[in-house]
Amino acid sequence: MTPSITNKTGKVAVPLIVFVLTILPAISLLIAALTIWLSRVLGSAILSCVVVGGAFLLVATIIYLVTLRGAVKRMQERLETIYETSRVFKTGFDKIRELVDNFRS
């Protein structure tokens, strides 16, 4: 790689990694704080965990259905195409091997 490409990659990759490494614990701590606060309001830690977990499950389901479902479907179609192509190649390779084996005999 040329030095300019390496420098540009480093200028983006390092801040991105640091961002991810700081945002994940921050979100986790906020979720924990929400759960603790809700357990004090409801008087039950188990119930607050169920409520917060259910809320996040609902949000994740909505995000999947609205934005990711099409992308996952396209990815499955591409994988099926790759599988079919590799199966055709394997079948052709097996036939060529049979011909070579018959030619040797």
C-alpha atoms as a PDB file:
ATOM      1  CA  MET A   1       0.000   0.000   0.000  1.00  0.00           C
ATOM      2  CA  THR A   2       1.114   3.525  -0.592  1.00  0.00           C
ATOM      3  CA  PRO A   3       1.815   5.710   2.445  1.00  0.00           C
ATOM      4  CA  SER A   4      -1.115   8.033   1.687  1.00  0.00           C
ATOM      5  CA  ILE A   5      -3.629   5.162   1.697  1.00  0.00           C
ATOM      6  CA  THR A   6      -2.131   3.740   4.900  1.00  0.00           C
ATOM      7  CA  ASN A   7      -2.323   7.130   6.620  1.00  0.00           C
ATOM      8  CA  LYS A   8      -5.953   7.629   5.560  1.00  0.00           C
ATOM      9  CA  THR A   9      -6.902   4.162   6.771  1.00  0.00           C
ATOM     10  CA  GLY A  10      -5.210   4.775  10.126  1.00  0.00           C
ATOM     11  CA  LYS A  11      -6.905   8.132  10.479  1.00  0.00           C
ATOM     12  CA  VAL A  12     -10.293   6.465  10.150  1.00  0.00           C
ATOM     13  CA  ALA A  13      -9.706   3.042  11.718  1.00  0.00           C
ATOM     14  CA  VAL A  14      -8.213   4.130  15.036  1.00  0.00           C
ATOM     15  CA  PRO A  15     -10.971   6.643  15.914  1.00  0.00           C
ATOM     16  CA  LEU A  16     -13.609   4.132  14.810  1.00  0.00           C
ATOM     17  CA  ILE A  17     -12.150   1.416  17.051  1.00  0.00           C
ATOM     18  CA  VAL A  18     -11.867   3.827  19.986  1.00  0.00           C
ATOM     19  CA  PHE A  19     -15.451   4.977  19.391  1.00  0.00           C
ATOM     20  CA  VAL A  20     -16.775   1.410  19.445  1.00  0.00           C
ATOM     21  CA  LEU A  21     -14.711   0.541  22.518  1.00  0.00           C
ATOM     22  CA  THR A  22     -16.150   3.535  24.389  1.00  0.00           C
ATOM     23  CA  ILE A  23     -19.755   3.475  23.177  1.00  0.00           C
ATOM     24  CA  LEU A  24     -20.405  -0.184  24.049  1.00  0.00           C
ATOM     25  CA  PRO A  25     -19.593   0.152  27.779  1.00  0.00           C
ATOM     26  CA  ALA A  26     -21.457   3.471  27.895  1.00  0.00           C
ATOM     27  CA  ILE A  27     -24.610   1.900  26.492  1.00  0.00           C
ATOM     28  CA  SER A  28     -24.225  -1.077  28.826  1.00  0.00           C
ATOM     29  CA  LEU A  29     -23.913   1.188  31.855  1.00  0.00           C
ATOM     30  CA  LEU A  30     -26.954   3.206  30.807  1.00  0.00           C
ATOM     31  CA  ILE A  31     -28.984   0.009  30.431  1.00  0.00           C
ATOM     32  CA  ALA A  32     -27.796  -1.176  33.849  1.00  0.00           C
ATOM     33  CA  ALA A  33     -28.707   2.189  35.401  1.00  0.00           C
ATOM     34  CA  LEU A  34     -32.146   2.080  33.780  1.00  0.00           C
ATOM     35  CA  THR A  35     -32.707  -1.437  35.109  1.00  0.00           C
ATOM     36  CA  ILE A  36     -31.611  -0.492  38.641  1.00  0.00           C
ATOM     37  CA  TRP A  37     -33.797   2.624  38.623  1.00  0.00           C
ATOM     38  CA  LEU A  38     -36.781   0.671  37.327  1.00  0.00           C
ATOM     39  CA  SER A  39     -36.247  -2.010  39.983  1.00  0.00           C
ATOM     40  CA  ARG A  40     -36.517   0.673  42.663  1.00  0.00           C
ATOM     41  CA  VAL A  41     -39.674   2.084  41.077  1.00  0.00           C
ATOM     42  CA  LEU A  42     -41.323  -1.316  40.592  1.00  0.00           C
ATOM     43  CA  GLY A  43     -39.884  -2.910  43.709  1.00  0.00           C
ATOM     44  CA  SER A  44     -38.669  -5.972  41.820  1.00  0.00           C
ATOM     45  CA  ALA A  45     -35.310  -6.501  40.140  1.00  0.00           C
ATOM     46  CA  ILE A  46     -36.600  -9.459  38.137  1.00  0.00           C
ATOM     47  CA  LEU A  47     -39.580  -7.527  36.814  1.00  0.00           C
ATOM     48  CA  SER A  48     -37.389  -4.582  35.839  1.00  0.00           C
ATOM     49  CA  CYS A  49     -35.008  -6.909  33.974  1.00  0.00           C
ATOM     50  CA  VAL A  50     -37.952  -8.435  32.108  1.00  0.00           C
ATOM     51  CA  VAL A  51     -39.345  -4.993  31.210  1.00  0.00           C
ATOM     52  CA  VAL A  52     -36.011  -3.575  30.019  1.00  0.00           C
ATOM     53  CA  GLY A  53     -35.107  -6.796  28.189  1.00  0.00           C
ATOM     54  CA  GLY A  54     -38.523  -6.908  26.547  1.00  0.00           C
ATOM     55  CA  ALA A  55     -38.224  -3.281  25.460  1.00  0.00           C
ATOM     56  CA  PHE A  56     -34.846  -3.900  23.861  1.00  0.00           C
ATOM     57  CA  LEU A  57     -36.140  -7.078  22.222  1.00  0.00           C
ATOM     58  CA  LEU A  58     -39.030  -5.093  20.754  1.00  0.00           C
ATOM     59  CA  VAL A  59     -36.669  -2.387  19.448  1.00  0.00           C
ATOM     60  CA  ALA A  60     -34.357  -5.018  17.930  1.00  0.00           C
ATOM     61  CA  THR A  61     -37.298  -6.750  16.243  1.00  0.00           C
ATOM     62  CA  ILE A  62     -38.562  -3.485  14.777  1.00  0.00           C
ATOM     63  CA  ILE A  63     -35.071  -2.590  13.502  1.00  0.00           C
ATOM     64  CA  TYR A  64     -34.732  -6.023  11.912  1.00  0.00           C
ATOM     65  CA  LEU A  65     -38.133  -5.947  10.247  1.00  0.00           C
ATOM     66  CA  VAL A  66     -37.819  -2.369   8.988  1.00  0.00           C
ATOM     67  CA  THR A  67     -34.189  -2.171   7.875  1.00  0.00           C
ATOM     68  CA  LEU A  68     -32.370  -5.503   7.906  1.00  0.00           C
ATOM     69  CA  ARG A  69     -34.897  -7.972   6.565  1.00  0.00           C
ATOM     70  CA  GLY A  70     -34.319  -7.064   2.906  1.00  0.00           C
ATOM     71  CA  ALA A  71     -30.550  -7.107   3.286  1.00  0.00           C
ATOM     72  CA  VAL A  72     -30.623 -10.528   4.957  1.00  0.00           C
ATOM     73  CA  LYS A  73     -32.880 -11.855   2.192  1.00  0.00           C
ATOM     74  CA  ARG A  74     -30.522 -10.544  -0.524  1.00  0.00           C
ATOM     75  CA  MET A  75     -27.561 -12.089   1.292  1.00  0.00           C
ATOM     76  CA  GLN A  76     -29.365 -15.455   1.442  1.00  0.00           C
ATOM     77  CA  GLU A  77     -30.058 -15.265  -2.292  1.00  0.00           C
ATOM     78  CA  ARG A  78     -26.378 -14.548  -2.990  1.00  0.00           C
ATOM     79  CA  LEU A  79     -25.305 -17.452  -0.798  1.00  0.00           C
ATOM     80  CA  GLU A  80     -27.721 -19.754  -2.626  1.00  0.00           C
ATOM     81  CA  THR A  81     -26.242 -18.599  -5.940  1.00  0.00           C
ATOM     82  CA  ILE A  82     -22.727 -19.301  -4.678  1.00  0.00           C
ATOM     83  CA  TYR A  83     -23.837 -22.729  -3.438  1.00  0.00           C
ATOM     84  CA  GLU A  84     -25.452 -23.595  -6.772  1.00  0.00           C
ATOM     85  CA  THR A  85     -22.353 -22.448  -8.677  1.00  0.00           C
ATOM     86  CA  SER A  86     -20.029 -24.491  -6.485  1.00  0.00           C
ATOM     87  CA  ARG A  87     -22.293 -27.528  -6.911  1.00  0.00           C
ATOM     88  CA  VAL A  88     -22.142 -27.171 -10.707  1.00  0.00           C
ATOM     89  CA  PHE A  89     -18.332 -26.894 -10.554  1.00  0.00           C
ATOM     90  CA  LYS A  90     -18.121 -29.956  -8.308  1.00  0.00           C
ATOM     91  CA  THR A  91     -20.347 -31.959 -10.637  1.00  0.00           C
ATOM     92  CA  GLY A  92     -18.219 -30.936 -13.634  1.00  0.00           C
ATOM     93  CA  PHE A  93     -15.021 -31.758 -11.768  1.00  0.00           C
ATOM     94  CA  ASP A  94     -16.387 -35.189 -10.828  1.00  0.00           C
ATOM     95  CA  LYS A  95     -17.286 -35.916 -14.476  1.00  0.00           C
ATOM     96  CA  ILE A  96     -13.821 -34.834 -15.649  1.00  0.00           C
ATOM     97  CA  ARG A  97     -12.235 -37.059 -12.988  1.00  0.00           C
ATOM     98  CA  GLU A  98     -14.365 -40.004 -14.153  1.00  0.00           C
ATOM     99  CA  LEU A  99     -13.237 -39.408 -17.751  1.00  0.00           C
ATOM    100  CA  VAL A 100      -9.584 -39.265 -16.698  1.00  0.00           C
ATOM    101  CA  ASP A 101      -9.979 -42.413 -14.604  1.00  0.00           C
ATOM    102  CA  ASN A 102     -11.628 -44.201 -17.548  1.00  0.00           C
ATOM    103  CA  PHE A 103      -8.874 -42.985 -19.882  1.00  0.00           C
ATOM    104  CA  ARG A 104      -6.183 -44.390 -17.536  1.00  0.00           C
ATOM    105  CA  SER A 105      -7.852 -47.795 -17.417  1.00  0.00           C
END
